[in-house]
Amino acid sequence: MKKKNPRIGSSFESWLDETGIREDVTVAAIKSVLARQPAAAQLDRLLDPDNGGATIESHQRACGGDGHG
């Protein structure tokens, strides 16, 4: 039987539960991932060699010229 490592405490999830913030942290993490999804899809289109209509210039025009939307 393996000996438990004395330097390892409870899990991160347990700590979140103990502090009462697990649900809030989970919601924030999900929102963060979802917020990045459109940007990832745009990057995929931009880098797709078969998509001649998606260029860096067209992306900049769509973002108002400076590339920052």
PDB file of N, CA and C in Angstrom:
ATOM      1  N   MET A   1       0.841  -1.180   0.000  1.00  0.00           N
ATOM      2  CA  MET A   1       0.000   0.000   0.000  1.00  0.00           C
ATOM      3  C   MET A   1       0.885   1.242   0.000  1.00  0.00           C
ATOM      4  N   LYS A   2       0.528   2.221  -0.838  1.00  0.00           N
ATOM      5  CA  LYS A   2       1.301   3.448  -0.952  1.00  0.00           C
ATOM      6  C   LYS A   2       1.078   4.337   0.253  1.00  0.00           C
ATOM      7  N   LYS A   3       2.172   4.970   0.676  1.00  0.00           N
ATOM      8  CA  LYS A   3       2.090   5.920   1.768  1.00  0.00           C
ATOM      9  C   LYS A   3       1.599   7.261   1.239  1.00  0.00           C
ATOM     10  N   LYS A   4       0.717   7.918   1.953  1.00  0.00           N
ATOM     11  CA  LYS A   4       0.201   9.211   1.533  1.00  0.00           C
ATOM     12  C   LYS A   4       1.274  10.273   1.719  1.00  0.00           C
ATOM     13  N   ASN A   5       1.439  11.115   0.712  1.00  0.00           N
ATOM     14  CA  ASN A   5       2.414  12.185   0.761  1.00  0.00           C
ATOM     15  C   ASN A   5       1.938  13.251   1.751  1.00  0.00           C
ATOM     16  N   PRO A   6       2.721  13.534   2.807  1.00  0.00           N
ATOM     17  CA  PRO A   6       2.284  14.507   3.819  1.00  0.00           C
ATOM     18  C   PRO A   6       2.282  15.948   3.306  1.00  0.00           C
ATOM     19  N   ARG A   7       2.922  16.196   2.167  1.00  0.00           N
ATOM     20  CA  ARG A   7       2.967  17.565   1.632  1.00  0.00           C
ATOM     21  C   ARG A   7       1.783  17.883   0.730  1.00  0.00           C
ATOM     22  N   ILE A   8       0.939  16.918   0.484  1.00  0.00           N
ATOM     23  CA  ILE A   8      -0.216  17.135  -0.375  1.00  0.00           C
ATOM     24  C   ILE A   8      -1.440  17.285   0.513  1.00  0.00           C
ATOM     25  N   GLY A   9      -2.112  18.406   0.333  1.00  0.00           N
ATOM     26  CA  GLY A   9      -3.317  18.676   1.114  1.00  0.00           C
ATOM     27  C   GLY A   9      -4.562  18.242   0.371  1.00  0.00           C
ATOM     28  N   SER A  10      -5.648  18.905   0.667  1.00  0.00           N
ATOM     29  CA  SER A  10      -6.907  18.587   0.006  1.00  0.00           C
ATOM     30  C   SER A  10      -6.863  19.064  -1.441  1.00  0.00           C
ATOM     31  N   SER A  11      -7.825  18.631  -2.204  1.00  0.00           N
ATOM     32  CA  SER A  11      -7.869  19.009  -3.614  1.00  0.00           C
ATOM     33  C   SER A  11      -8.315  20.463  -3.765  1.00  0.00           C
ATOM     34  N   PHE A  12      -8.038  21.005  -4.930  1.00  0.00           N
ATOM     35  CA  PHE A  12      -8.453  22.366  -5.232  1.00  0.00           C
ATOM     36  C   PHE A  12      -9.973  22.479  -5.166  1.00  0.00           C
ATOM     37  N   GLU A  13     -10.653  21.460  -5.679  1.00  0.00           N
ATOM     38  CA  GLU A  13     -12.109  21.464  -5.636  1.00  0.00           C
ATOM     39  C   GLU A  13     -12.624  21.476  -4.201  1.00  0.00           C
ATOM     40  N   SER A  14     -11.965  20.731  -3.331  1.00  0.00           N
ATOM     41  CA  SER A  14     -12.360  20.724  -1.917  1.00  0.00           C
ATOM     42  C   SER A  14     -12.191  22.106  -1.304  1.00  0.00           C
ATOM     43  N   TRP A  15     -11.086  22.759  -1.642  1.00  0.00           N
ATOM     44  CA  TRP A  15     -10.852  24.103  -1.125  1.00  0.00           C
ATOM     45  C   TRP A  15     -11.930  25.067  -1.624  1.00  0.00           C
ATOM     46  N   LEU A  16     -12.281  24.962  -2.913  1.00  0.00           N
ATOM     47  CA  LEU A  16     -13.337  25.816  -3.453  1.00  0.00           C
ATOM     48  C   LEU A  16     -14.654  25.580  -2.725  1.00  0.00           C
ATOM     49  N   ASP A  17     -14.948  24.306  -2.446  1.00  0.00           N
ATOM     50  CA  ASP A  17     -16.161  23.978  -1.691  1.00  0.00           C
ATOM     51  C   ASP A  17     -16.110  24.557  -0.282  1.00  0.00           C
ATOM     52  N   GLU A  18     -14.965  24.402   0.386  1.00  0.00           N
ATOM     53  CA  GLU A  18     -14.816  24.893   1.766  1.00  0.00           C
ATOM     54  C   GLU A  18     -14.974  26.407   1.855  1.00  0.00           C
ATOM     55  N   THR A  19     -14.498  27.110   0.836  1.00  0.00           N
ATOM     56  CA  THR A  19     -14.598  28.565   0.857  1.00  0.00           C
ATOM     57  C   THR A  19     -15.918  29.064   0.278  1.00  0.00           C
ATOM     58  N   GLY A  20     -16.702  28.144  -0.282  1.00  0.00           N
ATOM     59  CA  GLY A  20     -18.019  28.508  -0.799  1.00  0.00           C
ATOM     60  C   GLY A  20     -17.997  29.241  -2.124  1.00  0.00           C
ATOM     61  N   ILE A  21     -16.927  29.084  -2.905  1.00  0.00           N
ATOM     62  CA  ILE A  21     -16.832  29.817  -4.160  1.00  0.00           C
ATOM     63  C   ILE A  21     -16.759  28.906  -5.393  1.00  0.00           C
ATOM     64  N   ARG A  22     -16.967  27.626  -5.203  1.00  0.00           N
ATOM     65  CA  ARG A  22     -16.820  26.698  -6.331  1.00  0.00           C
ATOM     66  C   ARG A  22     -17.760  27.032  -7.480  1.00  0.00           C
ATOM     67  N   GLU A  23     -19.013  27.303  -7.186  1.00  0.00           N
ATOM     68  CA  GLU A  23     -19.966  27.603  -8.257  1.00  0.00           C
ATOM     69  C   GLU A  23     -19.581  28.887  -8.992  1.00  0.00           C
ATOM     70  N   ASP A  24     -19.197  29.928  -8.259  1.00  0.00           N
ATOM     71  CA  ASP A  24     -18.806  31.188  -8.889  1.00  0.00           C
ATOM     72  C   ASP A  24     -17.568  31.018  -9.764  1.00  0.00           C
ATOM     73  N   VAL A  25     -16.594  30.269  -9.274  1.00  0.00           N
ATOM     74  CA  VAL A  25     -15.366  30.045 -10.031  1.00  0.00           C
ATOM     75  C   VAL A  25     -15.658  29.214 -11.277  1.00  0.00           C
ATOM     76  N   THR A  26     -16.517  28.229 -11.154  1.00  0.00           N
ATOM     77  CA  THR A  26     -16.875  27.392 -12.295  1.00  0.00           C
ATOM     78  C   THR A  26     -17.583  28.209 -13.369  1.00  0.00           C
ATOM     79  N   VAL A  27     -18.523  29.047 -12.958  1.00  0.00           N
ATOM     80  CA  VAL A  27     -19.246  29.895 -13.909  1.00  0.00           C
ATOM     81  C   VAL A  27     -18.278  30.850 -14.608  1.00  0.00           C
ATOM     82  N   ALA A  28     -17.369  31.464 -13.855  1.00  0.00           N
ATOM     83  CA  ALA A  28     -16.395  32.386 -14.443  1.00  0.00           C
ATOM     84  C   ALA A  28     -15.491  31.671 -15.436  1.00  0.00           C
ATOM     85  N   ALA A  29     -15.084  30.448 -15.116  1.00  0.00           N
ATOM     86  CA  ALA A  29     -14.224  29.675 -16.015  1.00  0.00           C
ATOM     87  C   ALA A  29     -14.959  29.329 -17.310  1.00  0.00           C
ATOM     88  N   ILE A  30     -16.207  28.927 -17.198  1.00  0.00           N
ATOM     89  CA  ILE A  30     -16.995  28.590 -18.388  1.00  0.00           C
ATOM     90  C   ILE A  30     -17.183  29.818 -19.268  1.00  0.00           C
ATOM     91  N   LYS A  31     -17.509  30.951 -18.647  1.00  0.00           N
ATOM     92  CA  LYS A  31     -17.684  32.192 -19.415  1.00  0.00           C
ATOM     93  C   LYS A  31     -16.391  32.580 -20.126  1.00  0.00           C
ATOM     94  N   SER A  32     -15.269  32.389 -19.468  1.00  0.00           N
ATOM     95  CA  SER A  32     -13.984  32.726 -20.061  1.00  0.00           C
ATOM     96  C   SER A  32     -13.707  31.868 -21.292  1.00  0.00           C
ATOM     97  N   VAL A  33     -13.990  30.583 -21.183  1.00  0.00           N
ATOM     98  CA  VAL A  33     -13.777  29.671 -22.316  1.00  0.00           C
ATOM     99  C   VAL A  33     -14.717  30.031 -23.464  1.00  0.00           C
ATOM    100  N   LEU A  34     -15.981  30.293 -23.151  1.00  0.00           N
ATOM    101  CA  LEU A  34     -16.947  30.630 -24.198  1.00  0.00           C
ATOM    102  C   LEU A  34     -16.593  31.947 -24.879  1.00  0.00           C
ATOM    103  N   ALA A  35     -16.077  32.892 -24.130  1.00  0.00           N
ATOM    104  CA  ALA A  35     -15.709  34.186 -24.701  1.00  0.00           C
ATOM    105  C   ALA A  35     -14.577  34.050 -25.715  1.00  0.00           C
ATOM    106  N   ARG A  36     -13.752  33.051 -25.557  1.00  0.00           N
ATOM    107  CA  ARG A  36     -12.627  32.852 -26.467  1.00  0.00           C
ATOM    108  C   ARG A  36     -13.006  32.050 -27.701  1.00  0.00           C
ATOM    109  N   GLN A  37     -14.148  31.400 -27.698  1.00  0.00           N
ATOM    110  CA  GLN A  37     -14.536  30.549 -28.820  1.00  0.00           C
ATOM    111  C   GLN A  37     -14.641  31.312 -30.136  1.00  0.00           C
ATOM    112  N   PRO A  38     -15.335  32.455 -30.206  1.00  0.00           N
ATOM    113  CA  PRO A  38     -15.416  33.157 -31.492  1.00  0.00           C
ATOM    114  C   PRO A  38     -14.037  33.565 -32.011  1.00  0.00           C
ATOM    115  N   ALA A  39     -13.156  34.000 -31.130  1.00  0.00           N
ATOM    116  CA  ALA A  39     -11.820  34.398 -31.559  1.00  0.00           C
ATOM    117  C   ALA A  39     -11.072  33.204 -32.140  1.00  0.00           C
ATOM    118  N   ALA A  40     -11.228  32.046 -31.548  1.00  0.00           N
ATOM    119  CA  ALA A  40     -10.563  30.849 -32.062  1.00  0.00           C
ATOM    120  C   ALA A  40     -11.108  30.485 -33.432  1.00  0.00           C
ATOM    121  N   ALA A  41     -12.410  30.617 -33.622  1.00  0.00           N
ATOM    122  CA  ALA A  41     -13.011  30.310 -34.919  1.00  0.00           C
ATOM    123  C   ALA A  41     -12.524  31.293 -35.981  1.00  0.00           C
ATOM    124  N   GLN A  42     -12.405  32.568 -35.621  1.00  0.00           N
ATOM    125  CA  GLN A  42     -11.898  33.566 -36.559  1.00  0.00           C
ATOM    126  C   GLN A  42     -10.457  33.251 -36.942  1.00  0.00           C
ATOM    127  N   LEU A  43      -9.658  32.866 -35.955  1.00  0.00           N
ATOM    128  CA  LEU A  43      -8.259  32.535 -36.233  1.00  0.00           C
ATOM    129  C   LEU A  43      -8.172  31.321 -37.142  1.00  0.00           C
ATOM    130  N   ASP A  44      -9.013  30.321 -36.911  1.00  0.00           N
ATOM    131  CA  ASP A  44      -9.023  29.140 -37.779  1.00  0.00           C
ATOM    132  C   ASP A  44      -9.329  29.525 -39.221  1.00  0.00           C
ATOM    133  N   ARG A  45     -10.326  30.411 -39.407  1.00  0.00           N
ATOM    134  CA  ARG A  45     -10.668  30.855 -40.764  1.00  0.00           C
ATOM    135  C   ARG A  45      -9.516  31.641 -41.378  1.00  0.00           C
ATOM    136  N   LEU A  46      -8.890  32.483 -40.580  1.00  0.00           N
ATOM    137  CA  LEU A  46      -7.798  33.317 -41.072  1.00  0.00           C
ATOM    138  C   LEU A  46      -6.604  32.470 -41.514  1.00  0.00           C
ATOM    139  N   LEU A  47      -6.338  31.397 -40.781  1.00  0.00           N
ATOM    140  CA  LEU A  47      -5.181  30.547 -41.079  1.00  0.00           C
ATOM    141  C   LEU A  47      -5.474  29.443 -42.082  1.00  0.00           C
ATOM    142  N   ASP A  48      -6.744  29.286 -42.479  1.00  0.00           N
ATOM    143  CA  ASP A  48      -7.130  28.232 -43.415  1.00  0.00           C
ATOM    144  C   ASP A  48      -6.630  28.572 -44.821  1.00  0.00           C
ATOM    145  N   PRO A  49      -5.699  27.795 -45.372  1.00  0.00           N
ATOM    146  CA  PRO A  49      -5.151  28.106 -46.700  1.00  0.00           C
ATOM    147  C   PRO A  49      -6.198  27.988 -47.816  1.00  0.00           C
ATOM    148  N   ASP A  50      -7.292  27.273 -47.562  1.00  0.00           N
ATOM    149  CA  ASP A  50      -8.344  27.111 -48.566  1.00  0.00           C
ATOM    150  C   ASP A  50      -9.371  28.237 -48.533  1.00  0.00           C
ATOM    151  N   ASN A  51      -9.257  29.143 -47.563  1.00  0.00           N
ATOM    152  CA  ASN A  51     -10.207  30.241 -47.433  1.00  0.00           C
ATOM    153  C   ASN A  51      -9.526  31.527 -47.891  1.00  0.00           C
ATOM    154  N   GLY A  52      -9.602  31.798 -49.193  1.00  0.00           N
ATOM    155  CA  GLY A  52      -8.953  32.972 -49.756  1.00  0.00           C
ATOM    156  C   GLY A  52      -9.623  34.279 -49.372  1.00  0.00           C
ATOM    157  N   GLY A  53     -10.875  34.232 -48.895  1.00  0.00           N
ATOM    158  CA  GLY A  53     -11.592  35.454 -48.542  1.00  0.00           C
ATOM    159  C   GLY A  53     -11.225  35.990 -47.174  1.00  0.00           C
ATOM    160  N   ALA A  54     -10.619  35.161 -46.356  1.00  0.00           N
ATOM    161  CA  ALA A  54     -10.254  35.594 -45.004  1.00  0.00           C
ATOM    162  C   ALA A  54      -8.779  35.960 -44.990  1.00  0.00           C
ATOM    163  N   THR A  55      -8.508  37.247 -44.986  1.00  0.00           N
ATOM    164  CA  THR A  55      -7.130  37.715 -44.937  1.00  0.00           C
ATOM    165  C   THR A  55      -6.933  38.579 -43.712  1.00  0.00           C
ATOM    166  N   ILE A  56      -5.716  38.838 -43.386  1.00  0.00           N
ATOM    167  CA  ILE A  56      -5.430  39.720 -42.256  1.00  0.00           C
ATOM    168  C   ILE A  56      -6.022  41.102 -42.526  1.00  0.00           C
ATOM    169  N   GLU A  57      -5.935  41.549 -43.784  1.00  0.00           N
ATOM    170  CA  GLU A  57      -6.478  42.860 -44.130  1.00  0.00           C
ATOM    171  C   GLU A  57      -7.991  42.900 -43.940  1.00  0.00           C
ATOM    172  N   SER A  58      -8.694  41.842 -44.353  1.00  0.00           N
ATOM    173  CA  SER A  58     -10.152  41.833 -44.186  1.00  0.00           C
ATOM    174  C   SER A  58     -10.516  41.783 -42.708  1.00  0.00           C
ATOM    175  N   HIS A  59      -9.723  41.089 -41.923  1.00  0.00           N
ATOM    176  CA  HIS A  59      -9.966  41.039 -40.483  1.00  0.00           C
ATOM    177  C   HIS A  59      -9.770  42.424 -39.872  1.00  0.00           C
ATOM    178  N   GLN A  60      -8.731  43.126 -40.292  1.00  0.00           N
ATOM    179  CA  GLN A  60      -8.492  44.472 -39.768  1.00  0.00           C
ATOM    180  C   GLN A  60      -9.619  45.415 -40.158  1.00  0.00           C
ATOM    181  N   ARG A  61     -10.110  45.308 -41.380  1.00  0.00           N
ATOM    182  CA  ARG A  61     -11.231  46.164 -41.795  1.00  0.00           C
ATOM    183  C   ARG A  61     -12.464  45.873 -40.956  1.00  0.00           C
ATOM    184  N   ALA A  62     -12.718  44.600 -40.691  1.00  0.00           N
ATOM    185  CA  ALA A  62     -13.889  44.223 -39.892  1.00  0.00           C
ATOM    186  C   ALA A  62     -13.769  44.726 -38.454  1.00  0.00           C
ATOM    187  N   CYS A  63     -12.540  44.862 -37.982  1.00  0.00           N
ATOM    188  CA  CYS A  63     -12.297  45.312 -36.609  1.00  0.00           C
ATOM    189  C   CYS A  63     -12.142  46.829 -36.511  1.00  0.00           C
ATOM    190  N   GLY A  64     -12.378  47.534 -37.586  1.00  0.00           N
ATOM    191  CA  GLY A  64     -12.274  48.973 -37.532  1.00  0.00           C
ATOM    192  C   GLY A  64     -10.904  49.514 -37.915  1.00  0.00           C
ATOM    193  N   GLY A  65     -10.090  48.679 -38.552  1.00  0.00           N
ATOM    194  CA  GLY A  65      -8.829  49.164 -39.067  1.00  0.00           C
ATOM    195  C   GLY A  65      -7.628  48.937 -38.175  1.00  0.00           C
ATOM    196  N   ASP A  66      -7.820  48.852 -36.881  1.00  0.00           N
ATOM    197  CA  ASP A  66      -6.647  48.707 -36.004  1.00  0.00           C
ATOM    198  C   ASP A  66      -6.460  47.289 -35.490  1.00  0.00           C
ATOM    199  N   GLY A  67      -7.378  46.380 -35.866  1.00  0.00           N
ATOM    200  CA  GLY A  67      -7.248  44.988 -35.439  1.00  0.00           C
ATOM    201  C   GLY A  67      -7.715  44.718 -34.019  1.00  0.00           C
ATOM    202  N   HIS A  68      -8.325  45.709 -33.366  1.00  0.00           N
ATOM    203  CA  HIS A  68      -8.751  45.531 -31.978  1.00  0.00           C
ATOM    204  C   HIS A  68     -10.258  45.624 -31.787  1.00  0.00           C
ATOM    205  N   GLY A  69     -11.040  45.550 -32.845  1.00  0.00           N
ATOM    206  CA  GLY A  69     -12.493  45.535 -32.741  1.00  0.00           C
ATOM    207  C   GLY A  69     -13.028  46.630 -32.002  1.00  0.00           C
TER     208      GLY A  69
END
